[in-house]
Amino acid sequence: MRNGDKQQQQEQFSVLKTIVVALDGSDNSPFILSALETLAIQPSTKIVLCHVLPTSGSEEIVNLDRPHPLPAGYYQQAEKQLLDFQAQLSEGQSEIEIVSGDPAEEIIRLANIHQANLIAIGTRGLQGIERIVEGSVSSQVVAEAPCSVLVVRETPPYKDGASSDFVKT
């Protein structure tokens, strides 16, 4: 690799221009935001906080020309949570995105739309048959994302005050 190519590659990874942060309102969301604080985020970095609303199910046939009912106030609750998280951000510019559909597909779609350098997402740490039955959004995002993915555990795997380790699932 030539010096110019190597320098260009280092610049590409040293500055995160856009980060898509997938938040589902779970107890894991604050861990994801804490993980962002450990990154070298510049004031010019755009942070896209996103939430994917559930649909009636991807396996059943749905009428796309009809609205899909959500529990009362679900959208407003998701919007309020994202706005609260947005207020906690200290660096960079940010925006929120609330979309509906398959979570992994929508997170990847948003990363493509915003030309993200990084996706930050949580994991519930499902294992074995539970992971097979319920599926893993984070695993699908890691496998199909157009950029790097930071996966943050719901229960940090550290003890005795040691710093947390972020894992790729």
N, C-alpha and C. Protein backbone atom coordinates (compact mmCIF):
# COMPACT_ATOMS: atom_id res chain seq x y z
N MET A 1 0.85 -1.18 0.00
CA MET A 1 0.00 0.00 0.00
C MET A 1 0.89 1.24 0.00
N ARG A 2 0.60 2.17 -0.88
CA ARG A 2 1.38 3.40 -0.96
C ARG A 2 1.06 4.30 0.23
N ASN A 3 1.96 5.21 0.56
CA ASN A 3 1.77 6.13 1.69
C ASN A 3 0.50 6.96 1.53
N GLY A 4 0.24 7.43 0.32
CA GLY A 4 -0.96 8.24 0.07
C GLY A 4 -2.23 7.45 0.34
N ASP A 5 -2.25 6.18 -0.10
CA ASP A 5 -3.42 5.33 0.13
C ASP A 5 -3.60 5.06 1.62
N LYS A 6 -2.48 4.81 2.30
CA LYS A 6 -2.54 4.52 3.73
C LYS A 6 -3.03 5.74 4.50
N GLN A 7 -2.55 6.92 4.15
CA GLN A 7 -2.97 8.15 4.81
C GLN A 7 -4.46 8.40 4.58
N GLN A 8 -4.93 8.18 3.35
CA GLN A 8 -6.33 8.37 3.04
C GLN A 8 -7.20 7.41 3.84
N GLN A 9 -6.77 6.16 3.98
CA GLN A 9 -7.51 5.18 4.76
C GLN A 9 -7.54 5.59 6.23
N GLN A 10 -6.42 6.08 6.78
CA GLN A 10 -6.39 6.51 8.17
C GLN A 10 -7.32 7.69 8.39
N GLU A 11 -7.35 8.65 7.46
CA GLU A 11 -8.24 9.80 7.58
C GLU A 11 -9.69 9.36 7.54
N GLN A 12 -9.99 8.38 6.72
CA GLN A 12 -11.35 7.89 6.59
C GLN A 12 -11.85 7.33 7.92
N PHE A 13 -11.00 6.61 8.65
CA PHE A 13 -11.41 6.00 9.90
C PHE A 13 -11.22 6.91 11.10
N SER A 14 -10.39 7.94 10.99
CA SER A 14 -10.16 8.81 12.14
C SER A 14 -11.27 9.82 12.34
N VAL A 15 -12.01 10.13 11.31
CA VAL A 15 -13.09 11.10 11.42
C VAL A 15 -14.40 10.41 11.08
N LEU A 16 -15.26 10.35 12.07
CA LEU A 16 -16.59 9.79 11.84
C LEU A 16 -17.50 10.93 11.38
N LYS A 17 -17.94 10.85 10.13
CA LYS A 17 -18.77 11.93 9.60
C LYS A 17 -20.23 11.75 9.96
N THR A 18 -20.71 10.50 9.93
CA THR A 18 -22.11 10.23 10.24
C THR A 18 -22.21 8.91 11.01
N ILE A 19 -22.95 8.96 12.11
CA ILE A 19 -23.18 7.78 12.93
C ILE A 19 -24.69 7.58 13.05
N VAL A 20 -25.16 6.40 12.69
CA VAL A 20 -26.56 6.03 12.91
C VAL A 20 -26.61 5.26 14.23
N VAL A 21 -27.42 5.76 15.14
CA VAL A 21 -27.55 5.15 16.46
C VAL A 21 -28.95 4.56 16.57
N ALA A 22 -29.04 3.24 16.64
CA ALA A 22 -30.32 2.54 16.71
C ALA A 22 -30.72 2.39 18.18
N LEU A 23 -31.82 3.02 18.54
CA LEU A 23 -32.32 2.99 19.92
C LEU A 23 -33.73 2.43 19.92
N ASP A 24 -33.98 1.50 20.84
CA ASP A 24 -35.31 0.89 20.89
C ASP A 24 -36.08 1.24 22.17
N GLY A 25 -35.52 2.13 22.98
CA GLY A 25 -36.21 2.51 24.21
C GLY A 25 -36.01 1.53 25.34
N SER A 26 -35.18 0.52 25.12
CA SER A 26 -34.95 -0.49 26.16
C SER A 26 -33.95 0.05 27.18
N ASP A 27 -33.68 -0.76 28.19
CA ASP A 27 -32.69 -0.41 29.21
C ASP A 27 -31.28 -0.30 28.63
N ASN A 28 -31.08 -0.82 27.42
CA ASN A 28 -29.78 -0.80 26.78
C ASN A 28 -29.45 0.55 26.15
N SER A 29 -30.45 1.36 25.87
CA SER A 29 -30.22 2.63 25.17
C SER A 29 -29.20 3.54 25.86
N PRO A 30 -29.24 3.72 27.18
CA PRO A 30 -28.21 4.56 27.81
C PRO A 30 -26.79 4.02 27.64
N PHE A 31 -26.63 2.68 27.59
CA PHE A 31 -25.31 2.09 27.37
C PHE A 31 -24.78 2.47 25.99
N ILE A 32 -25.68 2.50 25.01
CA ILE A 32 -25.26 2.86 23.65
C ILE A 32 -24.78 4.31 23.63
N LEU A 33 -25.52 5.20 24.28
CA LEU A 33 -25.12 6.60 24.32
C LEU A 33 -23.80 6.77 25.08
N SER A 34 -23.59 6.00 26.14
CA SER A 34 -22.32 6.05 26.87
C SER A 34 -21.17 5.59 25.99
N ALA A 35 -21.42 4.58 25.18
CA ALA A 35 -20.38 4.09 24.26
C ALA A 35 -19.98 5.17 23.26
N LEU A 36 -20.94 5.98 22.83
CA LEU A 36 -20.64 7.06 21.90
C LEU A 36 -19.67 8.06 22.51
N GLU A 37 -19.78 8.27 23.82
CA GLU A 37 -18.91 9.22 24.49
C GLU A 37 -17.45 8.80 24.45
N THR A 38 -17.18 7.53 24.24
CA THR A 38 -15.80 7.05 24.19
C THR A 38 -15.18 7.24 22.81
N LEU A 39 -15.98 7.61 21.83
CA LEU A 39 -15.48 7.79 20.47
C LEU A 39 -15.00 9.23 20.26
N ALA A 40 -14.14 9.41 19.29
CA ALA A 40 -13.63 10.74 18.96
C ALA A 40 -14.62 11.43 18.02
N ILE A 41 -15.72 11.88 18.59
CA ILE A 41 -16.75 12.54 17.79
C ILE A 41 -16.41 14.02 17.67
N GLN A 42 -16.37 14.49 16.45
CA GLN A 42 -16.06 15.88 16.15
C GLN A 42 -17.35 16.70 16.11
N PRO A 43 -17.26 18.01 16.31
CA PRO A 43 -18.47 18.85 16.20
C PRO A 43 -19.15 18.73 14.84
N SER A 44 -18.39 18.37 13.81
CA SER A 44 -18.98 18.23 12.47
C SER A 44 -19.65 16.88 12.25
N THR A 45 -19.51 15.95 13.19
CA THR A 45 -20.12 14.63 13.06
C THR A 45 -21.64 14.73 13.18
N LYS A 46 -22.32 14.11 12.23
CA LYS A 46 -23.79 14.06 12.29
C LYS A 46 -24.18 12.75 12.96
N ILE A 47 -25.03 12.86 13.99
CA ILE A 47 -25.53 11.68 14.69
C ILE A 47 -27.01 11.55 14.40
N VAL A 48 -27.39 10.40 13.84
CA VAL A 48 -28.79 10.13 13.51
C VAL A 48 -29.32 9.13 14.53
N LEU A 49 -30.18 9.60 15.42
CA LEU A 49 -30.81 8.73 16.40
C LEU A 49 -32.06 8.16 15.75
N CYS A 50 -32.16 6.83 15.72
CA CYS A 50 -33.31 6.24 15.03
C CYS A 50 -34.03 5.22 15.91
N HIS A 51 -35.30 5.08 15.63
CA HIS A 51 -36.15 4.09 16.29
C HIS A 51 -37.02 3.47 15.20
N VAL A 52 -37.13 2.15 15.23
CA VAL A 52 -37.95 1.44 14.24
C VAL A 52 -39.23 0.98 14.92
N LEU A 53 -40.34 1.48 14.42
CA LEU A 53 -41.65 1.08 14.95
C LEU A 53 -41.99 -0.31 14.43
N PRO A 54 -42.64 -1.13 15.25
CA PRO A 54 -43.01 -2.47 14.80
C PRO A 54 -44.10 -2.42 13.73
N THR A 55 -44.10 -3.44 12.91
CA THR A 55 -45.17 -3.59 11.93
C THR A 55 -45.99 -4.81 12.33
N SER A 56 -47.00 -5.08 11.58
CA SER A 56 -47.88 -6.20 11.92
C SER A 56 -47.22 -7.55 11.69
N GLY A 57 -46.05 -7.56 11.11
CA GLY A 57 -45.34 -8.83 10.88
C GLY A 57 -44.95 -8.95 9.43
N SER A 58 -43.73 -9.32 9.19
CA SER A 58 -43.26 -9.40 7.82
C SER A 58 -43.71 -10.66 7.11
N GLU A 59 -44.16 -11.66 7.87
CA GLU A 59 -44.55 -12.93 7.26
C GLU A 59 -45.98 -12.91 6.72
N GLU A 60 -46.83 -12.08 7.28
CA GLU A 60 -48.21 -12.09 6.82
C GLU A 60 -48.41 -11.05 5.72
N ILE A 61 -49.41 -11.29 4.91
CA ILE A 61 -49.72 -10.37 3.82
C ILE A 61 -50.48 -9.18 4.40
N VAL A 62 -50.02 -7.98 4.08
CA VAL A 62 -50.67 -6.77 4.61
C VAL A 62 -51.10 -5.90 3.44
N ASN A 63 -52.15 -5.13 3.67
CA ASN A 63 -52.60 -4.16 2.68
C ASN A 63 -51.79 -2.89 2.86
N LEU A 64 -50.92 -2.59 1.94
CA LEU A 64 -50.03 -1.46 2.07
C LEU A 64 -50.74 -0.12 1.96
N ASP A 65 -51.96 -0.13 1.40
CA ASP A 65 -52.68 1.13 1.27
C ASP A 65 -53.51 1.47 2.51
N ARG A 66 -53.43 0.64 3.54
CA ARG A 66 -54.17 0.89 4.77
C ARG A 66 -53.19 1.14 5.91
N PRO A 67 -53.58 2.01 6.86
CA PRO A 67 -52.68 2.24 8.00
C PRO A 67 -52.59 1.01 8.89
N HIS A 68 -51.45 0.86 9.53
CA HIS A 68 -51.22 -0.24 10.45
C HIS A 68 -51.32 0.31 11.87
N PRO A 69 -52.31 -0.16 12.62
CA PRO A 69 -52.51 0.43 13.95
C PRO A 69 -51.38 0.09 14.92
N LEU A 70 -50.97 1.09 15.67
CA LEU A 70 -50.00 0.93 16.74
C LEU A 70 -50.73 1.28 18.04
N PRO A 71 -50.23 0.81 19.15
CA PRO A 71 -50.85 1.21 20.42
C PRO A 71 -50.88 2.73 20.52
N ALA A 72 -51.91 3.25 21.15
CA ALA A 72 -52.08 4.70 21.28
C ALA A 72 -50.84 5.32 21.90
N GLY A 73 -50.35 6.37 21.29
CA GLY A 73 -49.21 7.10 21.83
C GLY A 73 -47.85 6.48 21.59
N TYR A 74 -47.78 5.37 20.85
CA TYR A 74 -46.50 4.68 20.64
C TYR A 74 -45.50 5.57 19.90
N TYR A 75 -45.96 6.20 18.82
CA TYR A 75 -45.09 7.08 18.05
C TYR A 75 -44.61 8.24 18.91
N GLN A 76 -45.53 8.85 19.64
CA GLN A 76 -45.19 9.99 20.49
C GLN A 76 -44.19 9.60 21.58
N GLN A 77 -44.35 8.40 22.14
CA GLN A 77 -43.43 7.91 23.16
C GLN A 77 -42.03 7.72 22.56
N ALA A 78 -41.96 7.13 21.38
CA ALA A 78 -40.67 6.93 20.72
C ALA A 78 -40.02 8.27 20.40
N GLU A 79 -40.82 9.21 19.91
CA GLU A 79 -40.29 10.54 19.58
C GLU A 79 -39.77 11.25 20.83
N LYS A 80 -40.50 11.17 21.92
CA LYS A 80 -40.07 11.80 23.18
C LYS A 80 -38.76 11.20 23.66
N GLN A 81 -38.64 9.86 23.60
CA GLN A 81 -37.40 9.22 24.03
C GLN A 81 -36.22 9.66 23.17
N LEU A 82 -36.42 9.72 21.86
CA LEU A 82 -35.33 10.15 20.98
C LEU A 82 -34.95 11.61 21.24
N LEU A 83 -35.94 12.46 21.47
CA LEU A 83 -35.65 13.86 21.77
C LEU A 83 -34.90 14.00 23.10
N ASP A 84 -35.27 13.17 24.09
CA ASP A 84 -34.55 13.16 25.36
C ASP A 84 -33.10 12.73 25.16
N PHE A 85 -32.89 11.68 24.36
CA PHE A 85 -31.52 11.23 24.08
C PHE A 85 -30.75 12.29 23.30
N GLN A 86 -31.43 12.94 22.36
CA GLN A 86 -30.79 13.98 21.56
C GLN A 86 -30.31 15.12 22.46
N ALA A 87 -31.07 15.47 23.47
CA ALA A 87 -30.69 16.54 24.40
C ALA A 87 -29.45 16.17 25.22
N GLN A 88 -29.18 14.86 25.38
CA GLN A 88 -28.03 14.40 26.16
C GLN A 88 -26.72 14.44 25.37
N LEU A 89 -26.81 14.54 24.06
CA LEU A 89 -25.61 14.51 23.23
C LEU A 89 -24.81 15.79 23.43
N SER A 90 -23.49 15.64 23.57
CA SER A 90 -22.65 16.80 23.83
C SER A 90 -21.91 17.30 22.59
N GLU A 91 -21.65 16.45 21.67
CA GLU A 91 -20.87 16.82 20.49
C GLU A 91 -21.67 16.62 19.21
N GLY A 92 -21.32 17.37 18.21
CA GLY A 92 -21.86 17.15 16.87
C GLY A 92 -23.29 17.60 16.68
N GLN A 93 -23.72 17.52 15.45
CA GLN A 93 -25.09 17.83 15.10
C GLN A 93 -25.89 16.53 15.11
N SER A 94 -27.19 16.63 15.36
CA SER A 94 -27.97 15.39 15.41
C SER A 94 -29.36 15.61 14.85
N GLU A 95 -29.96 14.49 14.50
CA GLU A 95 -31.35 14.49 14.04
C GLU A 95 -31.96 13.17 14.45
N ILE A 96 -33.28 13.11 14.39
CA ILE A 96 -33.95 11.87 14.75
C ILE A 96 -34.70 11.33 13.53
N GLU A 97 -34.83 10.01 13.49
CA GLU A 97 -35.56 9.31 12.43
C GLU A 97 -36.42 8.26 13.11
N ILE A 98 -37.71 8.29 12.82
CA ILE A 98 -38.62 7.25 13.30
C ILE A 98 -39.23 6.62 12.05
N VAL A 99 -38.97 5.33 11.89
CA VAL A 99 -39.43 4.61 10.71
C VAL A 99 -40.15 3.34 11.17
N SER A 100 -40.83 2.70 10.26
CA SER A 100 -41.47 1.42 10.61
C SER A 100 -41.03 0.36 9.62
N GLY A 101 -41.01 -0.87 10.10
CA GLY A 101 -40.61 -1.99 9.25
C GLY A 101 -39.77 -2.98 10.02
N ASP A 102 -39.04 -3.79 9.28
CA ASP A 102 -38.14 -4.76 9.89
C ASP A 102 -36.96 -3.99 10.46
N PRO A 103 -36.67 -4.15 11.77
CA PRO A 103 -35.62 -3.33 12.40
C PRO A 103 -34.27 -3.39 11.69
N ALA A 104 -33.75 -4.56 11.41
CA ALA A 104 -32.43 -4.66 10.78
C ALA A 104 -32.44 -4.00 9.40
N GLU A 105 -33.44 -4.29 8.61
CA GLU A 105 -33.52 -3.73 7.26
C GLU A 105 -33.60 -2.21 7.30
N GLU A 106 -34.40 -1.67 8.23
CA GLU A 106 -34.57 -0.21 8.32
C GLU A 106 -33.30 0.48 8.82
N ILE A 107 -32.61 -0.13 9.76
CA ILE A 107 -31.35 0.45 10.26
C ILE A 107 -30.33 0.49 9.13
N ILE A 108 -30.23 -0.58 8.38
CA ILE A 108 -29.30 -0.63 7.24
C ILE A 108 -29.71 0.39 6.18
N ARG A 109 -31.01 0.50 5.93
CA ARG A 109 -31.51 1.48 4.94
C ARG A 109 -31.12 2.90 5.36
N LEU A 110 -31.31 3.21 6.65
CA LEU A 110 -30.95 4.55 7.14
C LEU A 110 -29.45 4.79 7.03
N ALA A 111 -28.65 3.76 7.31
CA ALA A 111 -27.19 3.91 7.17
C ALA A 111 -26.83 4.22 5.72
N ASN A 112 -27.49 3.59 4.77
CA ASN A 112 -27.24 3.86 3.36
C ASN A 112 -27.70 5.27 2.98
N ILE A 113 -28.88 5.66 3.41
CA ILE A 113 -29.42 7.00 3.08
C ILE A 113 -28.49 8.09 3.60
N HIS A 114 -28.04 7.95 4.84
CA HIS A 114 -27.22 8.98 5.48
C HIS A 114 -25.73 8.79 5.23
N GLN A 115 -25.36 7.75 4.45
CA GLN A 115 -23.96 7.44 4.14
C GLN A 115 -23.13 7.37 5.43
N ALA A 116 -23.63 6.57 6.37
CA ALA A 116 -23.01 6.46 7.68
C ALA A 116 -21.64 5.79 7.62
N ASN A 117 -20.75 6.24 8.49
CA ASN A 117 -19.44 5.60 8.69
C ASN A 117 -19.54 4.54 9.77
N LEU A 118 -20.57 4.65 10.63
CA LEU A 118 -20.70 3.76 11.77
C LEU A 118 -22.16 3.62 12.15
N ILE A 119 -22.54 2.41 12.55
CA ILE A 119 -23.84 2.15 13.16
C ILE A 119 -23.56 1.72 14.59
N ALA A 120 -24.25 2.33 15.55
CA ALA A 120 -24.15 1.90 16.95
C ALA A 120 -25.49 1.26 17.31
N ILE A 121 -25.43 0.05 17.85
CA ILE A 121 -26.63 -0.72 18.12
C ILE A 121 -26.42 -1.55 19.39
N GLY A 122 -27.48 -1.86 20.06
CA GLY A 122 -27.38 -2.68 21.27
C GLY A 122 -27.65 -4.14 20.95
N THR A 123 -27.34 -4.98 21.91
CA THR A 123 -27.65 -6.40 21.82
C THR A 123 -28.17 -6.85 23.17
N ARG A 124 -29.12 -7.75 23.13
CA ARG A 124 -29.67 -8.27 24.38
C ARG A 124 -28.90 -9.48 24.87
N GLY A 125 -27.94 -9.93 24.10
CA GLY A 125 -27.12 -11.07 24.51
C GLY A 125 -27.85 -12.40 24.44
N LEU A 126 -28.80 -12.51 23.51
CA LEU A 126 -29.50 -13.78 23.35
C LEU A 126 -28.54 -14.86 22.92
N GLN A 127 -28.77 -16.07 23.42
CA GLN A 127 -27.91 -17.19 23.04
C GLN A 127 -28.76 -18.42 22.79
N GLY A 128 -28.17 -19.36 22.11
CA GLY A 128 -28.80 -20.66 21.89
C GLY A 128 -30.12 -20.58 21.16
N ILE A 129 -31.07 -21.38 21.64
CA ILE A 129 -32.37 -21.51 20.97
C ILE A 129 -33.15 -20.20 21.00
N GLU A 130 -32.98 -19.43 22.07
CA GLU A 130 -33.67 -18.14 22.18
C GLU A 130 -33.24 -17.22 21.04
N ARG A 131 -31.95 -17.23 20.70
CA ARG A 131 -31.44 -16.40 19.62
C ARG A 131 -31.98 -16.87 18.27
N ILE A 132 -32.09 -18.19 18.11
CA ILE A 132 -32.60 -18.75 16.86
C ILE A 132 -34.07 -18.41 16.69
N VAL A 133 -34.85 -18.56 17.76
CA VAL A 133 -36.29 -18.31 17.68
C VAL A 133 -36.60 -16.83 17.50
N GLU A 134 -35.99 -15.99 18.33
CA GLU A 134 -36.30 -14.56 18.30
C GLU A 134 -35.51 -13.81 17.24
N GLY A 135 -34.39 -14.36 16.81
CA GLY A 135 -33.55 -13.68 15.85
C GLY A 135 -32.71 -12.61 16.52
N SER A 136 -31.71 -12.13 15.85
CA SER A 136 -30.84 -11.12 16.39
C SER A 136 -30.71 -9.98 15.40
N VAL A 137 -31.29 -8.86 15.76
CA VAL A 137 -31.21 -7.68 14.90
C VAL A 137 -29.76 -7.26 14.74
N SER A 138 -29.02 -7.25 15.86
CA SER A 138 -27.62 -6.80 15.78
C SER A 138 -26.78 -7.71 14.88
N SER A 139 -27.01 -9.01 14.94
CA SER A 139 -26.25 -9.93 14.08
C SER A 139 -26.55 -9.68 12.61
N GLN A 140 -27.81 -9.44 12.29
CA GLN A 140 -28.18 -9.18 10.90
C GLN A 140 -27.58 -7.85 10.43
N VAL A 141 -27.59 -6.84 11.30
CA VAL A 141 -27.01 -5.55 10.94
C VAL A 141 -25.51 -5.70 10.70
N VAL A 142 -24.81 -6.41 11.59
CA VAL A 142 -23.37 -6.63 11.43
C VAL A 142 -23.10 -7.31 10.10
N ALA A 143 -23.89 -8.31 9.76
CA ALA A 143 -23.67 -9.08 8.53
C ALA A 143 -23.94 -8.28 7.26
N GLU A 144 -24.90 -7.35 7.31
CA GLU A 144 -25.35 -6.70 6.09
C GLU A 144 -25.06 -5.21 6.00
N ALA A 145 -24.50 -4.61 7.03
CA ALA A 145 -24.28 -3.16 7.05
C ALA A 145 -23.25 -2.71 6.02
N PRO A 146 -23.45 -1.50 5.49
CA PRO A 146 -22.50 -0.95 4.52
C PRO A 146 -21.31 -0.27 5.19
N CYS A 147 -21.23 -0.33 6.52
CA CYS A 147 -20.18 0.35 7.26
C CYS A 147 -19.86 -0.44 8.52
N SER A 148 -18.96 0.08 9.34
CA SER A 148 -18.62 -0.57 10.60
C SER A 148 -19.81 -0.50 11.55
N VAL A 149 -19.86 -1.48 12.48
CA VAL A 149 -20.95 -1.55 13.45
C VAL A 149 -20.37 -1.70 14.84
N LEU A 150 -20.82 -0.85 15.75
CA LEU A 150 -20.46 -0.94 17.15
C LEU A 150 -21.63 -1.57 17.88
N VAL A 151 -21.41 -2.76 18.44
CA VAL A 151 -22.47 -3.47 19.16
C VAL A 151 -22.19 -3.35 20.65
N VAL A 152 -23.18 -2.87 21.39
CA VAL A 152 -23.02 -2.62 22.81
C VAL A 152 -23.91 -3.58 23.59
N ARG A 153 -23.33 -4.28 24.54
CA ARG A 153 -24.08 -5.24 25.36
C ARG A 153 -25.03 -4.52 26.30
N GLU A 154 -26.17 -5.18 26.56
CA GLU A 154 -27.13 -4.66 27.54
C GLU A 154 -26.53 -4.74 28.94
N THR A 155 -25.90 -5.86 29.25
CA THR A 155 -25.26 -6.03 30.55
C THR A 155 -23.76 -6.01 30.30
N PRO A 156 -23.09 -4.93 30.71
CA PRO A 156 -21.65 -4.84 30.44
C PRO A 156 -20.91 -6.04 31.02
N PRO A 157 -19.98 -6.61 30.27
CA PRO A 157 -19.26 -7.80 30.71
C PRO A 157 -18.05 -7.49 31.58
N TYR A 158 -18.06 -6.35 32.27
CA TYR A 158 -16.90 -5.99 33.07
C TYR A 158 -17.20 -6.10 34.55
N LYS A 159 -16.13 -6.22 35.33
CA LYS A 159 -16.25 -6.38 36.77
C LYS A 159 -15.25 -5.46 37.46
N ASP A 160 -15.49 -5.19 38.72
CA ASP A 160 -14.55 -4.45 39.57
C ASP A 160 -14.16 -3.09 38.99
N GLY A 161 -15.10 -2.38 38.38
CA GLY A 161 -14.82 -1.03 37.90
C GLY A 161 -13.97 -0.95 36.64
N ALA A 162 -13.67 -2.08 36.03
CA ALA A 162 -12.87 -2.06 34.79
C ALA A 162 -13.70 -1.44 33.68
N SER A 163 -13.06 -0.89 32.70
CA SER A 163 -13.78 -0.27 31.60
C SER A 163 -14.53 -1.33 30.80
N SER A 164 -15.59 -0.90 30.16
CA SER A 164 -16.41 -1.85 29.42
C SER A 164 -15.73 -2.26 28.12
N ASP A 165 -16.06 -3.44 27.66
CA ASP A 165 -15.58 -3.94 26.38
C ASP A 165 -16.77 -3.96 25.44
N PHE A 166 -16.61 -3.46 24.24
CA PHE A 166 -17.68 -3.50 23.26
C PHE A 166 -17.42 -4.70 22.38
N VAL A 167 -18.46 -5.44 22.10
CA VAL A 167 -18.28 -6.69 21.37
C VAL A 167 -18.99 -6.62 20.03
N LYS A 168 -18.50 -7.41 19.11
CA LYS A 168 -19.13 -7.55 17.81
C LYS A 168 -19.79 -8.93 17.83
N THR A 169 -21.12 -8.96 17.65
CA THR A 169 -21.82 -10.25 17.66
C THR A 169 -22.15 -10.67 16.26
